Amino acid sequence: MMRETVITRDMVANPKTKYGNAKASTRHFITQRLTGAINIAFLILLLFVVVRLAGQDRPDMVAVIGNGWIGVPLAALLVIVTVHMRNGMRDTLEDYLSGSVYRLFMMLNTLFCIAIAVAGVAAILKLVFWG
């Protein structure tokens, strides 16, 4: 069984102390910032789709989302949003949980995000390719 290191106040106060995985933390930081910036860039597309579909019926919705120029970027946006959602929940879980409970909830978080991404992308791509 893996022994967990207890991080004390002295360890945090000492700048030479190494704890955690530096590469994973940097990757997480960069991923969170990039996905956030991409989400902002895609906001224009999302606003267009919402405004265009306001008050429309199902055939109009299928026509708008079924357009490859709208549907494929919308599917990419959904994947990027779920990656951003997973990283944000990771930050929250790290703050409140530790050890095996953290790993369990992180696994459930990852599975939930994958399920949302797969279901959403499948639905959007079905509209794009098969109407």
Protein backbone atom coordinates (compact mmCIF):
# COMPACT_ATOMS: atom_id res chain seq x y z
CA MET A 1 0.00 0.00 0.00
CA MET A 2 1.27 3.46 -0.88
CA ARG A 3 2.24 5.66 2.04
CA GLU A 4 0.94 9.22 1.82
CA THR A 5 3.18 12.12 2.70
CA VAL A 6 1.68 14.56 5.14
CA ILE A 7 2.33 18.12 4.03
CA THR A 8 3.08 20.30 7.02
CA ARG A 9 3.20 24.06 7.40
CA ASP A 10 7.01 23.92 7.53
CA MET A 11 7.14 22.06 4.20
CA VAL A 12 4.95 24.67 2.54
CA ALA A 13 6.93 27.56 4.06
CA ASN A 14 10.25 26.18 2.78
CA PRO A 15 10.60 27.09 -0.94
CA LYS A 16 13.09 24.25 -1.51
CA THR A 17 10.58 21.58 -0.47
CA LYS A 18 9.39 19.37 -3.31
CA TYR A 19 5.97 17.78 -3.05
CA GLY A 20 3.58 16.73 -5.78
CA ASN A 21 4.30 16.08 -9.43
CA ALA A 22 5.63 19.26 -11.03
CA LYS A 23 5.06 18.12 -14.63
CA ALA A 24 1.47 17.04 -13.96
CA SER A 25 0.73 20.29 -12.15
CA THR A 26 2.17 22.37 -14.99
CA ARG A 27 0.22 20.36 -17.56
CA HIS A 28 -2.96 20.84 -15.51
CA PHE A 29 -2.32 24.60 -15.22
CA ILE A 30 -1.68 25.01 -18.96
CA THR A 31 -4.64 22.80 -19.92
CA GLN A 32 -6.98 24.76 -17.66
CA ARG A 33 -5.86 28.11 -19.13
CA LEU A 34 -5.96 26.91 -22.75
CA THR A 35 -9.40 25.32 -22.45
CA GLY A 36 -10.69 28.46 -20.74
CA ALA A 37 -9.35 30.66 -23.55
CA ILE A 38 -10.78 28.35 -26.22
CA ASN A 39 -14.14 28.38 -24.43
CA ILE A 40 -14.15 32.17 -24.64
CA ALA A 41 -13.27 32.04 -28.35
CA PHE A 42 -16.09 29.57 -29.03
CA LEU A 43 -18.55 31.76 -27.13
CA ILE A 44 -19.36 33.60 -30.37
CA LEU A 45 -20.38 30.34 -32.06
CA LEU A 46 -22.44 29.30 -29.08
CA LEU A 47 -24.22 32.68 -28.95
CA PHE A 48 -24.94 32.43 -32.71
CA VAL A 49 -26.48 28.97 -32.27
CA VAL A 50 -28.59 30.02 -29.27
CA VAL A 51 -29.87 33.19 -30.97
CA ARG A 52 -30.48 31.37 -34.25
CA LEU A 53 -32.47 28.59 -32.55
CA ALA A 54 -34.53 30.82 -30.24
CA GLY A 55 -38.18 30.05 -30.87
CA GLN A 56 -37.47 27.58 -33.70
CA ASP A 57 -38.92 24.11 -34.02
CA ARG A 58 -37.09 20.78 -34.32
CA PRO A 59 -36.53 20.75 -38.11
CA ASP A 60 -34.86 24.17 -37.91
CA MET A 61 -32.69 22.97 -35.03
CA VAL A 62 -31.65 19.88 -37.00
CA ALA A 63 -30.87 22.07 -40.02
CA VAL A 64 -28.68 24.48 -38.04
CA ILE A 65 -26.78 21.90 -35.96
CA GLY A 66 -26.71 19.47 -38.91
CA ASN A 67 -24.69 22.01 -40.89
CA GLY A 68 -21.08 20.77 -40.80
CA TRP A 69 -19.74 24.29 -40.31
CA ILE A 70 -21.79 24.58 -37.10
CA GLY A 71 -22.03 20.98 -35.83
CA VAL A 72 -18.38 19.95 -35.98
CA PRO A 73 -17.10 23.04 -34.09
CA LEU A 74 -19.97 22.58 -31.63
CA ALA A 75 -18.84 18.99 -31.02
CA ALA A 76 -15.24 20.19 -30.53
CA LEU A 77 -16.51 22.80 -28.10
CA LEU A 78 -18.33 20.13 -26.11
CA VAL A 79 -15.12 18.08 -25.78
CA ILE A 80 -13.14 21.15 -24.71
CA VAL A 81 -15.80 22.11 -22.17
CA THR A 82 -15.75 18.63 -20.62
CA VAL A 83 -11.94 18.71 -20.33
CA HIS A 84 -12.23 22.11 -18.65
CA MET A 85 -15.01 20.78 -16.40
CA ARG A 86 -12.88 17.78 -15.36
CA ASN A 87 -9.92 20.01 -14.49
CA GLY A 88 -12.10 22.41 -12.51
CA MET A 89 -13.63 19.58 -10.52
CA ARG A 90 -10.13 18.19 -9.95
CA ASP A 91 -9.17 21.45 -8.24
CA THR A 92 -12.22 21.23 -5.99
CA LEU A 93 -11.67 17.56 -5.18
CA GLU A 94 -7.99 18.21 -4.35
CA ASP A 95 -9.03 20.88 -1.86
CA TYR A 96 -11.48 18.73 0.08
CA LEU A 97 -10.46 15.08 -0.37
CA SER A 98 -7.29 13.02 -0.08
CA GLY A 99 -6.03 9.47 -0.47
CA SER A 100 -8.24 6.72 -1.81
CA VAL A 101 -11.42 8.81 -1.48
CA TYR A 102 -9.86 11.45 -3.75
CA ARG A 103 -8.83 8.82 -6.29
CA LEU A 104 -12.33 7.29 -6.27
CA PHE A 105 -14.06 10.63 -6.80
CA MET A 106 -11.53 11.65 -9.44
CA MET A 107 -12.20 8.42 -11.30
CA LEU A 108 -15.96 9.04 -11.09
CA ASN A 109 -15.42 12.62 -12.25
CA THR A 110 -13.40 11.42 -15.24
CA LEU A 111 -15.98 8.78 -16.16
CA PHE A 112 -18.79 11.35 -15.92
CA CYS A 113 -16.93 13.81 -18.15
CA ILE A 114 -16.17 11.09 -20.70
CA ALA A 115 -19.83 9.98 -20.71
CA ILE A 116 -21.05 13.55 -21.24
CA ALA A 117 -18.53 14.14 -24.05
CA VAL A 118 -19.27 10.87 -25.84
CA ALA A 119 -23.05 11.24 -25.60
CA GLY A 120 -23.01 14.87 -26.71
CA VAL A 121 -20.54 14.39 -29.56
CA ALA A 122 -22.43 11.31 -30.78
CA ALA A 123 -25.70 13.26 -30.80
CA ILE A 124 -24.20 16.24 -32.62
CA LEU A 125 -22.32 14.13 -35.18
CA LYS A 126 -25.47 12.07 -35.80
CA LEU A 127 -27.23 15.29 -36.76
CA VAL A 128 -24.29 16.39 -38.93
CA PHE A 129 -23.83 13.15 -40.86
CA TRP A 130 -27.25 11.52 -40.77
CA GLY A 131 -29.65 14.41 -40.13
